[in-house]
Amino acid sequence: MADIIIILIVIILLGLALKGSIKHFKGEGPCCGGGSGSNKKAKTKFLDGPVIGRKTLKISGMHCEHCANTVTNALNGLDGITAKVNLKDNSAEVSYDREIDLTDLKNAVKKAGYEVTSIS
């Protein structure tokens, strides 16, 4: 009986791993050109007014330049914000020219397929 349970657990784990691999190779994950991101380069964005503040976001889940571009474009899609993502540090420096809601920053990153672990 214990052997059957172990075999079932192994089969389930292999199935989940296979599902993730298939999504990855089909380009349907947030990384590697598919998913909620796009294959576009990060667009440069300029603010309308003077910078009144900066925040640094620590972001988990970024693995490549495409991931960084996806996060940059997601944050730059918010009004009054410009972002520069540092893949090496897994962070984004956000400058803003008006009051911002930190929840909006978190939601934009989450919608792109990544997670904000801290904001300072």
PDB file of N, CA and C in Angstrom:
ATOM      1  N   MET A   1       0.818  -1.197   0.000  1.00  0.00           N
ATOM      2  CA  MET A   1       0.000   0.000   0.000  1.00  0.00           C
ATOM      3  C   MET A   1       0.864   1.264   0.000  1.00  0.00           C
ATOM      4  N   ALA A   2       1.914   1.266   0.838  1.00  0.00           N
ATOM      5  CA  ALA A   2       2.806   2.428   0.895  1.00  0.00           C
ATOM      6  C   ALA A   2       3.509   2.635  -0.440  1.00  0.00           C
ATOM      7  N   ASP A   3       3.848   1.527  -1.110  1.00  0.00           N
ATOM      8  CA  ASP A   3       4.509   1.635  -2.413  1.00  0.00           C
ATOM      9  C   ASP A   3       3.602   2.313  -3.435  1.00  0.00           C
ATOM     10  N   ILE A   4       2.333   1.989  -3.407  1.00  0.00           N
ATOM     11  CA  ILE A   4       1.382   2.576  -4.349  1.00  0.00           C
ATOM     12  C   ILE A   4       1.254   4.076  -4.103  1.00  0.00           C
ATOM     13  N   ILE A   5       1.197   4.480  -2.856  1.00  0.00           N
ATOM     14  CA  ILE A   5       1.094   5.904  -2.520  1.00  0.00           C
ATOM     15  C   ILE A   5       2.336   6.653  -2.990  1.00  0.00           C
ATOM     16  N   ILE A   6       3.503   6.089  -2.765  1.00  0.00           N
ATOM     17  CA  ILE A   6       4.753   6.726  -3.201  1.00  0.00           C
ATOM     18  C   ILE A   6       4.792   6.841  -4.714  1.00  0.00           C
ATOM     19  N   ILE A   7       4.393   5.786  -5.409  1.00  0.00           N
ATOM     20  CA  ILE A   7       4.381   5.813  -6.877  1.00  0.00           C
ATOM     21  C   ILE A   7       3.414   6.883  -7.377  1.00  0.00           C
ATOM     22  N   LEU A   8       2.244   6.995  -6.763  1.00  0.00           N
ATOM     23  CA  LEU A   8       1.279   8.024  -7.168  1.00  0.00           C
ATOM     24  C   LEU A   8       1.829   9.432  -6.944  1.00  0.00           C
ATOM     25  N   ILE A   9       2.494   9.645  -5.831  1.00  0.00           N
ATOM     26  CA  ILE A   9       3.090  10.956  -5.553  1.00  0.00           C
ATOM     27  C   ILE A   9       4.154  11.292  -6.592  1.00  0.00           C
ATOM     28  N   VAL A  10       4.992  10.315  -6.931  1.00  0.00           N
ATOM     29  CA  VAL A  10       6.037  10.532  -7.942  1.00  0.00           C
ATOM     30  C   VAL A  10       5.408  10.844  -9.295  1.00  0.00           C
ATOM     31  N   ILE A  11       4.353  10.138  -9.659  1.00  0.00           N
ATOM     32  CA  ILE A  11       3.678  10.385 -10.937  1.00  0.00           C
ATOM     33  C   ILE A  11       3.090  11.795 -10.966  1.00  0.00           C
ATOM     34  N   ILE A  12       2.480  12.218  -9.875  1.00  0.00           N
ATOM     35  CA  ILE A  12       1.906  13.571  -9.808  1.00  0.00           C
ATOM     36  C   ILE A  12       3.000  14.627  -9.941  1.00  0.00           C
ATOM     37  N   LEU A  13       4.113  14.440  -9.238  1.00  0.00           N
ATOM     38  CA  LEU A  13       5.220  15.402  -9.325  1.00  0.00           C
ATOM     39  C   LEU A  13       5.800  15.454 -10.732  1.00  0.00           C
ATOM     40  N   LEU A  14       5.954  14.305 -11.367  1.00  0.00           N
ATOM     41  CA  LEU A  14       6.453  14.281 -12.745  1.00  0.00           C
ATOM     42  C   LEU A  14       5.478  14.979 -13.690  1.00  0.00           C
ATOM     43  N   GLY A  15       4.185  14.785 -13.464  1.00  0.00           N
ATOM     44  CA  GLY A  15       3.179  15.446 -14.293  1.00  0.00           C
ATOM     45  C   GLY A  15       3.245  16.958 -14.174  1.00  0.00           C
ATOM     46  N   LEU A  16       3.401  17.455 -12.950  1.00  0.00           N
ATOM     47  CA  LEU A  16       3.519  18.902 -12.749  1.00  0.00           C
ATOM     48  C   LEU A  16       4.788  19.454 -13.392  1.00  0.00           C
ATOM     49  N   ALA A  17       5.884  18.723 -13.263  1.00  0.00           N
ATOM     50  CA  ALA A  17       7.139  19.161 -13.879  1.00  0.00           C
ATOM     51  C   ALA A  17       7.016  19.169 -15.397  1.00  0.00           C
ATOM     52  N   LEU A  18       6.377  18.161 -15.950  1.00  0.00           N
ATOM     53  CA  LEU A  18       6.196  18.079 -17.395  1.00  0.00           C
ATOM     54  C   LEU A  18       5.315  19.220 -17.892  1.00  0.00           C
ATOM     55  N   LYS A  19       4.265  19.531 -17.144  1.00  0.00           N
ATOM     56  CA  LYS A  19       3.371  20.631 -17.524  1.00  0.00           C
ATOM     57  C   LYS A  19       4.140  21.952 -17.591  1.00  0.00           C
ATOM     58  N   GLY A  20       4.971  22.225 -16.573  1.00  0.00           N
ATOM     59  CA  GLY A  20       5.770  23.449 -16.572  1.00  0.00           C
ATOM     60  C   GLY A  20       6.771  23.486 -17.709  1.00  0.00           C
ATOM     61  N   SER A  21       7.372  22.346 -18.005  1.00  0.00           N
ATOM     62  CA  SER A  21       8.346  22.279 -19.099  1.00  0.00           C
ATOM     63  C   SER A  21       7.678  22.523 -20.443  1.00  0.00           C
ATOM     64  N   ILE A  22       6.507  21.955 -20.635  1.00  0.00           N
ATOM     65  CA  ILE A  22       5.789  22.152 -21.894  1.00  0.00           C
ATOM     66  C   ILE A  22       5.448  23.627 -22.078  1.00  0.00           C
ATOM     67  N   LYS A  23       4.941  24.281 -21.015  1.00  0.00           N
ATOM     68  CA  LYS A  23       4.635  25.710 -21.105  1.00  0.00           C
ATOM     69  C   LYS A  23       5.887  26.512 -21.432  1.00  0.00           C
ATOM     70  N   HIS A  24       7.005  26.142 -20.818  1.00  0.00           N
ATOM     71  CA  HIS A  24       8.261  26.853 -21.054  1.00  0.00           C
ATOM     72  C   HIS A  24       8.676  26.736 -22.515  1.00  0.00           C
ATOM     73  N   PHE A  25       8.691  25.530 -23.050  1.00  0.00           N
ATOM     74  CA  PHE A  25       9.163  25.325 -24.416  1.00  0.00           C
ATOM     75  C   PHE A  25       8.194  25.843 -25.466  1.00  0.00           C
ATOM     76  N   LYS A  26       6.924  25.966 -25.119  1.00  0.00           N
ATOM     77  CA  LYS A  26       5.954  26.556 -26.036  1.00  0.00           C
ATOM     78  C   LYS A  26       5.959  28.077 -25.948  1.00  0.00           C
ATOM     79  N   GLY A  27       6.720  28.632 -24.985  1.00  0.00           N
ATOM     80  CA  GLY A  27       6.785  30.085 -24.830  1.00  0.00           C
ATOM     81  C   GLY A  27       5.569  30.662 -24.150  1.00  0.00           C
ATOM     82  N   GLU A  28       4.899  29.876 -23.312  1.00  0.00           N
ATOM     83  CA  GLU A  28       3.684  30.344 -22.654  1.00  0.00           C
ATOM     84  C   GLU A  28       3.908  30.784 -21.216  1.00  0.00           C
ATOM     85  N   GLY A  29       5.115  30.659 -20.702  1.00  0.00           N
ATOM     86  CA  GLY A  29       5.414  31.133 -19.354  1.00  0.00           C
ATOM     87  C   GLY A  29       5.777  32.601 -19.408  1.00  0.00           C
ATOM     88  N   PRO A  30       5.865  33.280 -18.249  1.00  0.00           N
ATOM     89  CA  PRO A  30       6.222  34.689 -18.271  1.00  0.00           C
ATOM     90  C   PRO A  30       7.646  34.923 -18.770  1.00  0.00           C
ATOM     91  N   CYS A  31       8.492  33.922 -18.684  1.00  0.00           N
ATOM     92  CA  CYS A  31       9.879  34.048 -19.136  1.00  0.00           C
ATOM     93  C   CYS A  31      10.011  33.461 -20.542  1.00  0.00           C
ATOM     94  N   CYS A  32      11.083  33.776 -21.211  1.00  0.00           N
ATOM     95  CA  CYS A  32      11.438  33.183 -22.508  1.00  0.00           C
ATOM     96  C   CYS A  32      10.501  33.568 -23.637  1.00  0.00           C
ATOM     97  N   GLY A  33       9.949  34.764 -23.593  1.00  0.00           N
ATOM     98  CA  GLY A  33       9.243  35.290 -24.740  1.00  0.00           C
ATOM     99  C   GLY A  33       7.757  35.055 -24.801  1.00  0.00           C
ATOM    100  N   GLY A  34       7.153  34.421 -23.834  1.00  0.00           N
ATOM    101  CA  GLY A  34       5.725  34.162 -23.914  1.00  0.00           C
ATOM    102  C   GLY A  34       4.985  34.706 -22.721  1.00  0.00           C
ATOM    103  N   GLY A  35       3.822  34.191 -22.521  1.00  0.00           N
ATOM    104  CA  GLY A  35       3.041  34.529 -21.333  1.00  0.00           C
ATOM    105  C   GLY A  35       2.556  35.956 -21.338  1.00  0.00           C
ATOM    106  N   SER A  36       2.510  36.539 -20.144  1.00  0.00           N
ATOM    107  CA  SER A  36       1.946  37.872 -19.992  1.00  0.00           C
ATOM    108  C   SER A  36       2.873  38.956 -20.505  1.00  0.00           C
ATOM    109  N   GLY A  37       4.122  38.606 -20.757  1.00  0.00           N
ATOM    110  CA  GLY A  37       5.073  39.582 -21.273  1.00  0.00           C
ATOM    111  C   GLY A  37       5.046  39.592 -22.784  1.00  0.00           C
ATOM    112  N   SER A  38       5.980  40.284 -23.359  1.00  0.00           N
ATOM    113  CA  SER A  38       6.101  40.305 -24.806  1.00  0.00           C
ATOM    114  C   SER A  38       7.571  40.222 -25.147  1.00  0.00           C
ATOM    115  N   ASN A  39       7.847  40.058 -26.420  1.00  0.00           N
ATOM    116  CA  ASN A  39       9.226  39.915 -26.855  1.00  0.00           C
ATOM    117  C   ASN A  39       9.870  41.268 -27.135  1.00  0.00           C
ATOM    118  N   LYS A  40       9.210  42.347 -26.767  1.00  0.00           N
ATOM    119  CA  LYS A  40       9.702  43.685 -27.053  1.00  0.00           C
ATOM    120  C   LYS A  40      10.805  44.086 -26.089  1.00  0.00           C
ATOM    121  N   LYS A  41      11.643  44.984 -26.562  1.00  0.00           N
ATOM    122  CA  LYS A  41      12.660  45.586 -25.695  1.00  0.00           C
ATOM    123  C   LYS A  41      11.961  46.544 -24.737  1.00  0.00           C
ATOM    124  N   ALA A  42      12.632  46.826 -23.637  1.00  0.00           N
ATOM    125  CA  ALA A  42      12.079  47.784 -22.678  1.00  0.00           C
ATOM    126  C   ALA A  42      12.052  49.166 -23.323  1.00  0.00           C
ATOM    127  N   LYS A  43      10.912  49.821 -23.223  1.00  0.00           N
ATOM    128  CA  LYS A  43      10.771  51.157 -23.795  1.00  0.00           C
ATOM    129  C   LYS A  43      11.248  52.191 -22.787  1.00  0.00           C
ATOM    130  N   THR A  44      11.971  53.192 -23.288  1.00  0.00           N
ATOM    131  CA  THR A  44      12.411  54.291 -22.432  1.00  0.00           C
ATOM    132  C   THR A  44      11.230  55.226 -22.222  1.00  0.00           C
ATOM    133  N   LYS A  45      11.027  55.623 -20.975  1.00  0.00           N
ATOM    134  CA  LYS A  45       9.914  56.508 -20.653  1.00  0.00           C
ATOM    135  C   LYS A  45      10.446  57.704 -19.881  1.00  0.00           C
ATOM    136  N   PHE A  46       9.919  58.869 -20.195  1.00  0.00           N
ATOM    137  CA  PHE A  46      10.299  60.099 -19.509  1.00  0.00           C
ATOM    138  C   PHE A  46       9.087  60.630 -18.756  1.00  0.00           C
ATOM    139  N   LEU A  47       9.341  61.215 -17.613  1.00  0.00           N
ATOM    140  CA  LEU A  47       8.272  61.777 -16.798  1.00  0.00           C
ATOM    141  C   LEU A  47       7.886  63.161 -17.306  1.00  0.00           C
ATOM    142  N   ASP A  48       6.635  63.543 -17.057  1.00  0.00           N
ATOM    143  CA  ASP A  48       6.152  64.859 -17.478  1.00  0.00           C
ATOM    144  C   ASP A  48       6.663  65.972 -16.576  1.00  0.00           C
ATOM    145  N   GLY A  49       6.846  65.674 -15.303  1.00  0.00           N
ATOM    146  CA  GLY A  49       7.267  66.687 -14.340  1.00  0.00           C
ATOM    147  C   GLY A  49       8.551  66.284 -13.642  1.00  0.00           C
ATOM    148  N   PRO A  50       8.972  67.094 -12.667  1.00  0.00           N
ATOM    149  CA  PRO A  50      10.194  66.768 -11.925  1.00  0.00           C
ATOM    150  C   PRO A  50       9.972  65.557 -11.008  1.00  0.00           C
ATOM    151  N   VAL A  51      11.027  64.803 -10.795  1.00  0.00           N
ATOM    152  CA  VAL A  51      10.966  63.630  -9.920  1.00  0.00           C
ATOM    153  C   VAL A  51      10.761  64.095  -8.479  1.00  0.00           C
ATOM    154  N   ILE A  52       9.732  63.553  -7.820  1.00  0.00           N
ATOM    155  CA  ILE A  52       9.485  63.911  -6.418  1.00  0.00           C
ATOM    156  C   ILE A  52       9.858  62.774  -5.468  1.00  0.00           C
ATOM    157  N   GLY A  53      10.170  61.611  -6.014  1.00  0.00           N
ATOM    158  CA  GLY A  53      10.554  60.500  -5.148  1.00  0.00           C
ATOM    159  C   GLY A  53      11.029  59.295  -5.929  1.00  0.00           C
ATOM    160  N   ARG A  54      11.651  58.384  -5.187  1.00  0.00           N
ATOM    161  CA  ARG A  54      12.143  57.134  -5.774  1.00  0.00           C
ATOM    162  C   ARG A  54      11.859  55.995  -4.808  1.00  0.00           C
ATOM    163  N   LYS A  55      11.594  54.829  -5.356  1.00  0.00           N
ATOM    164  CA  LYS A  55      11.423  53.608  -4.579  1.00  0.00           C
ATOM    165  C   LYS A  55      12.232  52.503  -5.253  1.00  0.00           C
ATOM    166  N   THR A  56      12.760  51.599  -4.429  1.00  0.00           N
ATOM    167  CA  THR A  56      13.457  50.428  -4.950  1.00  0.00           C
ATOM    168  C   THR A  56      12.617  49.202  -4.630  1.00  0.00           C
ATOM    169  N   LEU A  57      12.289  48.450  -5.662  1.00  0.00           N
ATOM    170  CA  LEU A  57      11.508  47.231  -5.512  1.00  0.00           C
ATOM    171  C   LEU A  57      12.429  46.031  -5.673  1.00  0.00           C
ATOM    172  N   LYS A  58      12.377  45.102  -4.758  1.00  0.00           N
ATOM    173  CA  LYS A  58      13.055  43.817  -4.920  1.00  0.00           C
ATOM    174  C   LYS A  58      12.030  42.883  -5.543  1.00  0.00           C
ATOM    175  N   ILE A  59      12.443  42.195  -6.608  1.00  0.00           N
ATOM    176  CA  ILE A  59      11.510  41.396  -7.396  1.00  0.00           C
ATOM    177  C   ILE A  59      12.047  39.979  -7.544  1.00  0.00           C
ATOM    178  N   SER A  60      11.200  38.998  -7.291  1.00  0.00           N
ATOM    179  CA  SER A  60      11.616  37.608  -7.470  1.00  0.00           C
ATOM    180  C   SER A  60      11.016  37.050  -8.756  1.00  0.00           C
ATOM    181  N   GLY A  61      11.722  36.097  -9.334  1.00  0.00           N
ATOM    182  CA  GLY A  61      11.227  35.405 -10.519  1.00  0.00           C
ATOM    183  C   GLY A  61      11.856  35.835 -11.827  1.00  0.00           C
ATOM    184  N   MET A  62      12.682  36.882 -11.821  1.00  0.00           N
ATOM    185  CA  MET A  62      13.330  37.314 -13.062  1.00  0.00           C
ATOM    186  C   MET A  62      14.566  36.451 -13.304  1.00  0.00           C
ATOM    187  N   HIS A  63      14.685  35.932 -14.542  1.00  0.00           N
ATOM    188  CA  HIS A  63      15.794  35.042 -14.866  1.00  0.00           C
ATOM    189  C   HIS A  63      16.633  35.508 -16.052  1.00  0.00           C
ATOM    190  N   CYS A  64      16.083  36.367 -16.874  1.00  0.00           N
ATOM    191  CA  CYS A  64      16.793  36.738 -18.097  1.00  0.00           C
ATOM    192  C   CYS A  64      16.440  38.182 -18.480  1.00  0.00           C
ATOM    193  N   GLU A  65      17.051  38.647 -19.544  1.00  0.00           N
ATOM    194  CA  GLU A  65      16.810  40.012 -20.015  1.00  0.00           C
ATOM    195  C   GLU A  65      15.350  40.207 -20.425  1.00  0.00           C
ATOM    196  N   HIS A  66      14.750  39.169 -20.970  1.00  0.00           N
ATOM    197  CA  HIS A  66      13.334  39.263 -21.335  1.00  0.00           C
ATOM    198  C   HIS A  66      12.477  39.526 -20.102  1.00  0.00           C
ATOM    199  N   CYS A  67      12.791  38.845 -19.006  1.00  0.00           N
ATOM    200  CA  CYS A  67      12.061  39.068 -17.746  1.00  0.00           C
ATOM    201  C   CYS A  67      12.192  40.529 -17.313  1.00  0.00           C
ATOM    202  N   ALA A  68      13.415  41.048 -17.366  1.00  0.00           N
ATOM    203  CA  ALA A  68      13.659  42.437 -16.966  1.00  0.00           C
ATOM    204  C   ALA A  68      12.883  43.405 -17.859  1.00  0.00           C
ATOM    205  N   ASN A  69      12.856  43.145 -19.165  1.00  0.00           N
ATOM    206  CA  ASN A  69      12.106  44.000 -20.085  1.00  0.00           C
ATOM    207  C   ASN A  69      10.611  43.945 -19.796  1.00  0.00           C
ATOM    208  N   THR A  70      10.117  42.764 -19.471  1.00  0.00           N
ATOM    209  CA  THR A  70       8.698  42.610 -19.156  1.00  0.00           C
ATOM    210  C   THR A  70       8.323  43.428 -17.924  1.00  0.00           C
ATOM    211  N   VAL A  71       9.151  43.358 -16.887  1.00  0.00           N
ATOM    212  CA  VAL A  71       8.886  44.121 -15.663  1.00  0.00           C
ATOM    213  C   VAL A  71       8.996  45.622 -15.939  1.00  0.00           C
ATOM    214  N   THR A  72      10.025  46.026 -16.686  1.00  0.00           N
ATOM    215  CA  THR A  72      10.198  47.441 -17.022  1.00  0.00           C
ATOM    216  C   THR A  72       8.967  47.976 -17.741  1.00  0.00           C
ATOM    217  N   ASN A  73       8.518  47.259 -18.756  1.00  0.00           N
ATOM    218  CA  ASN A  73       7.357  47.714 -19.523  1.00  0.00           C
ATOM    219  C   ASN A  73       6.085  47.720 -18.678  1.00  0.00           C
ATOM    220  N   ALA A  74       5.950  46.763 -17.762  1.00  0.00           N
ATOM    221  CA  ALA A  74       4.770  46.728 -16.890  1.00  0.00           C
ATOM    222  C   ALA A  74       4.740  47.950 -15.977  1.00  0.00           C
ATOM    223  N   LEU A  75       5.875  48.268 -15.381  1.00  0.00           N
ATOM    224  CA  LEU A  75       5.936  49.435 -14.490  1.00  0.00           C
ATOM    225  C   LEU A  75       5.808  50.735 -15.275  1.00  0.00           C
ATOM    226  N   ASN A  76       6.453  50.812 -16.432  1.00  0.00           N
ATOM    227  CA  ASN A  76       6.374  52.027 -17.243  1.00  0.00           C
ATOM    228  C   ASN A  76       4.975  52.256 -17.806  1.00  0.00           C
ATOM    229  N   GLY A  77       4.134  51.247 -17.754  1.00  0.00           N
ATOM    230  CA  GLY A  77       2.754  51.399 -18.195  1.00  0.00           C
ATOM    231  C   GLY A  77       1.897  52.185 -17.213  1.00  0.00           C
ATOM    232  N   LEU A  78       2.415  52.419 -16.014  1.00  0.00           N
ATOM    233  CA  LEU A  78       1.691  53.199 -15.007  1.00  0.00           C
ATOM    234  C   LEU A  78       1.967  54.688 -15.203  1.00  0.00           C
ATOM    235  N   ASP A  79       0.954  55.514 -15.027  1.00  0.00           N
ATOM    236  CA  ASP A  79       1.110  56.964 -15.181  1.00  0.00           C
ATOM    237  C   ASP A  79       1.991  57.540 -14.081  1.00  0.00           C
ATOM    238  N   GLY A  80       2.863  58.464 -14.472  1.00  0.00           N
ATOM    239  CA  GLY A  80       3.690  59.187 -13.515  1.00  0.00           C
ATOM    240  C   GLY A  80       4.874  58.411 -12.982  1.00  0.00           C
ATOM    241  N   ILE A  81       5.193  57.285 -13.619  1.00  0.00           N
ATOM    242  CA  ILE A  81       6.261  56.404 -13.133  1.00  0.00           C
ATOM    243  C   ILE A  81       7.196  56.054 -14.278  1.00  0.00           C
ATOM    244  N   THR A  82       8.493  56.027 -13.972  1.00  0.00           N
ATOM    245  CA  THR A  82       9.468  55.466 -14.898  1.00  0.00           C
ATOM    246  C   THR A  82      10.326  54.485 -14.107  1.00  0.00           C
ATOM    247  N   ALA A  83      10.684  53.375 -14.746  1.00  0.00           N
ATOM    248  CA  ALA A  83      11.402  52.313 -14.032  1.00  0.00           C
ATOM    249  C   ALA A  83      12.653  51.892 -14.783  1.00  0.00           C
ATOM    250  N   LYS A  84      13.669  51.536 -13.997  1.00  0.00           N
ATOM    251  CA  LYS A  84      14.890  50.927 -14.524  1.00  0.00           C
ATOM    252  C   LYS A  84      15.102  49.641 -13.742  1.00  0.00           C
ATOM    253  N   VAL A  85      15.119  48.512 -14.445  1.00  0.00           N
ATOM    254  CA  VAL A  85      15.243  47.208 -13.796  1.00  0.00           C
ATOM    255  C   VAL A  85      16.685  46.738 -13.866  1.00  0.00           C
ATOM    256  N   ASN A  86      17.178  46.235 -12.749  1.00  0.00           N
ATOM    257  CA  ASN A  86      18.526  45.682 -12.650  1.00  0.00           C
ATOM    258  C   ASN A  86      18.383  44.180 -12.440  1.00  0.00           C
ATOM    259  N   LEU A  87      18.647  43.414 -13.493  1.00  0.00           N
ATOM    260  CA  LEU A  87      18.496  41.965 -13.437  1.00  0.00           C
ATOM    261  C   LEU A  87      19.463  41.339 -12.443  1.00  0.00           C
ATOM    262  N   LYS A  88      20.683  41.856 -12.398  1.00  0.00           N
ATOM    263  CA  LYS A  88      21.706  41.303 -11.502  1.00  0.00           C
ATOM    264  C   LYS A  88      21.276  41.386 -10.038  1.00  0.00           C
ATOM    265  N   ASP A  89      20.650  42.501  -9.650  1.00  0.00           N
ATOM    266  CA  ASP A  89      20.209  42.708  -8.265  1.00  0.00           C
ATOM    267  C   ASP A  89      18.760  42.283  -8.031  1.00  0.00           C
ATOM    268  N   ASN A  90      18.084  41.832  -9.101  1.00  0.00           N
ATOM    269  CA  ASN A  90      16.652  41.505  -9.013  1.00  0.00           C
ATOM    270  C   ASN A  90      15.872  42.660  -8.395  1.00  0.00           C
ATOM    271  N   SER A  91      16.112  43.849  -8.942  1.00  0.00           N
ATOM    272  CA  SER A  91      15.454  45.030  -8.390  1.00  0.00           C
ATOM    273  C   SER A  91      15.023  45.975  -9.507  1.00  0.00           C
ATOM    274  N   ALA A  92      14.154  46.895  -9.131  1.00  0.00           N
ATOM    275  CA  ALA A  92      13.732  47.955 -10.044  1.00  0.00           C
ATOM    276  C   ALA A  92      13.756  49.262  -9.276  1.00  0.00           C
ATOM    277  N   GLU A  93      14.360  50.277  -9.877  1.00  0.00           N
ATOM    278  CA  GLU A  93      14.312  51.613  -9.292  1.00  0.00           C
ATOM    279  C   GLU A  93      13.206  52.375 -10.003  1.00  0.00           C
ATOM    280  N   VAL A  94      12.237  52.801  -9.222  1.00  0.00           N
ATOM    281  CA  VAL A  94      11.081  53.507  -9.758  1.00  0.00           C
ATOM    282  C   VAL A  94      11.177  54.968  -9.347  1.00  0.00           C
ATOM    283  N   SER A  95      11.128  55.861 -10.333  1.00  0.00           N
ATOM    284  CA  SER A  95      11.079  57.303 -10.080  1.00  0.00           C
ATOM    285  C   SER A  95       9.669  57.766 -10.426  1.00  0.00           C
ATOM    286  N   TYR A  96       9.185  58.766  -9.687  1.00  0.00           N
ATOM    287  CA  TYR A  96       7.825  59.214  -9.944  1.00  0.00           C
ATOM    288  C   TYR A  96       7.720  60.722  -9.788  1.00  0.00           C
ATOM    289  N   ASP A  97       6.750  61.295 -10.544  1.00  0.00           N
ATOM    290  CA  ASP A  97       6.558  62.744 -10.535  1.00  0.00           C
ATOM    291  C   ASP A  97       5.243  63.158  -9.874  1.00  0.00           C
ATOM    292  N   ARG A  98       4.579  62.198  -9.246  1.00  0.00           N
ATOM    293  CA  ARG A  98       3.337  62.454  -8.507  1.00  0.00           C
ATOM    294  C   ARG A  98       3.195  61.377  -7.443  1.00  0.00           C
ATOM    295  N   GLU A  99       2.269  61.579  -6.536  1.00  0.00           N
ATOM    296  CA  GLU A  99       2.057  60.577  -5.489  1.00  0.00           C
ATOM    297  C   GLU A  99       1.646  59.255  -6.130  1.00  0.00           C
ATOM    298  N   ILE A 100       2.182  58.161  -5.596  1.00  0.00           N
ATOM    299  CA  ILE A 100       1.876  56.848  -6.149  1.00  0.00           C
ATOM    300  C   ILE A 100       1.335  55.937  -5.052  1.00  0.00           C
ATOM    301  N   ASP A 101       0.604  54.932  -5.483  1.00  0.00           N
ATOM    302  CA  ASP A 101       0.099  53.904  -4.579  1.00  0.00           C
ATOM    303  C   ASP A 101       1.000  52.684  -4.750  1.00  0.00           C
ATOM    304  N   LEU A 102       1.639  52.267  -3.674  1.00  0.00           N
ATOM    305  CA  LEU A 102       2.560  51.129  -3.747  1.00  0.00           C
ATOM    306  C   LEU A 102       1.851  49.854  -4.195  1.00  0.00           C
ATOM    307  N   THR A 103       0.568  49.761  -3.911  1.00  0.00           N
ATOM    308  CA  THR A 103      -0.203  48.598  -4.354  1.00  0.00           C
ATOM    309  C   THR A 103      -0.244  48.526  -5.875  1.00  0.00           C
ATOM    310  N   ASP A 104      -0.300  49.685  -6.536  1.00  0.00           N
ATOM    311  CA  ASP A 104      -0.296  49.705  -8.000  1.00  0.00           C
ATOM    312  C   ASP A 104       1.011  49.131  -8.550  1.00  0.00           C
ATOM    313  N   LEU A 105       2.129  49.461  -7.889  1.00  0.00           N
ATOM    314  CA  LEU A 105       3.421  48.916  -8.317  1.00  0.00           C
ATOM    315  C   LEU A 105       3.429  47.399  -8.174  1.00  0.00           C
ATOM    316  N   LYS A 106       2.999  46.923  -7.013  1.00  0.00           N
ATOM    317  CA  LYS A 106       2.969  45.472  -6.764  1.00  0.00           C
ATOM    318  C   LYS A 106       2.070  44.757  -7.764  1.00  0.00           C
ATOM    319  N   ASN A 107       0.902  45.331  -8.024  1.00  0.00           N
ATOM    320  CA  ASN A 107      -0.044  44.697  -8.942  1.00  0.00           C
ATOM    321  C   ASN A 107       0.479  44.651 -10.371  1.00  0.00           C
ATOM    322  N   ALA A 108       1.170  45.700 -10.808  1.00  0.00           N
ATOM    323  CA  ALA A 108       1.726  45.714 -12.162  1.00  0.00           C
ATOM    324  C   ALA A 108       2.776  44.617 -12.320  1.00  0.00           C
ATOM    325  N   VAL A 109       3.627  44.466 -11.311  1.00  0.00           N
ATOM    326  CA  VAL A 109       4.666  43.430 -11.358  1.00  0.00           C
ATOM    327  C   VAL A 109       4.023  42.044 -11.302  1.00  0.00           C
ATOM    328  N   LYS A 110       3.022  41.893 -10.452  1.00  0.00           N
ATOM    329  CA  LYS A 110       2.342  40.598 -10.327  1.00  0.00           C
ATOM    330  C   LYS A 110       1.637  40.220 -11.625  1.00  0.00           C
ATOM    331  N   LYS A 111       0.983  41.193 -12.253  1.00  0.00           N
ATOM    332  CA  LYS A 111       0.282  40.937 -13.513  1.00  0.00           C
ATOM    333  C   LYS A 111       1.263  40.513 -14.607  1.00  0.00           C
ATOM    334  N   ALA A 112       2.505  40.990 -14.511  1.00  0.00           N
ATOM    335  CA  ALA A 112       3.536  40.616 -15.484  1.00  0.00           C
ATOM    336  C   ALA A 112       4.096  39.223 -15.207  1.00  0.00           C
ATOM    337  N   GLY A 113       3.755  38.641 -14.050  1.00  0.00           N
ATOM    338  CA  GLY A 113       4.186  37.282 -13.753  1.00  0.00           C
ATOM    339  C   GLY A 113       5.303  37.164 -12.733  1.00  0.00           C
ATOM    340  N   TYR A 114       5.550  38.238 -11.977  1.00  0.00           N
ATOM    341  CA  TYR A 114       6.647  38.247 -11.004  1.00  0.00           C
ATOM    342  C   TYR A 114       6.111  38.716  -9.659  1.00  0.00           C
ATOM    343  N   GLU A 115       6.972  38.726  -8.646  1.00  0.00           N
ATOM    344  CA  GLU A 115       6.512  39.097  -7.309  1.00  0.00           C
ATOM    345  C   GLU A 115       7.438  40.130  -6.683  1.00  0.00           C
ATOM    346  N   VAL A 116       6.841  41.171  -6.121  1.00  0.00           N
ATOM    347  CA  VAL A 116       7.597  42.164  -5.358  1.00  0.00           C
ATOM    348  C   VAL A 116       7.778  41.604  -3.953  1.00  0.00           C
ATOM    349  N   THR A 117       9.041  41.458  -3.530  1.00  0.00           N
ATOM    350  CA  THR A 117       9.311  40.909  -2.198  1.00  0.00           C
ATOM    351  C   THR A 117       9.522  42.002  -1.161  1.00  0.00           C
ATOM    352  N   SER A 118       9.939  43.195  -1.602  1.00  0.00           N
ATOM    353  CA  SER A 118      10.076  44.319  -0.675  1.00  0.00           C
ATOM    354  C   SER A 118      10.129  45.626  -1.450  1.00  0.00           C
ATOM    355  N   ILE A 119       9.786  46.703  -0.749  1.00  0.00           N
ATOM    356  CA  ILE A 119       9.861  48.054  -1.316  1.00  0.00           C
ATOM    357  C   ILE A 119      10.549  48.938  -0.293  1.00  0.00           C
ATOM    358  N   SER A 120      11.568  49.669  -0.749  1.00  0.00           N
ATOM    359  CA  SER A 120      12.250  50.600   0.158  1.00  0.00           C
ATOM    360  C   SER A 120      12.443  51.940  -0.525  1.00  0.00           C
TER     361      SER A 120
END
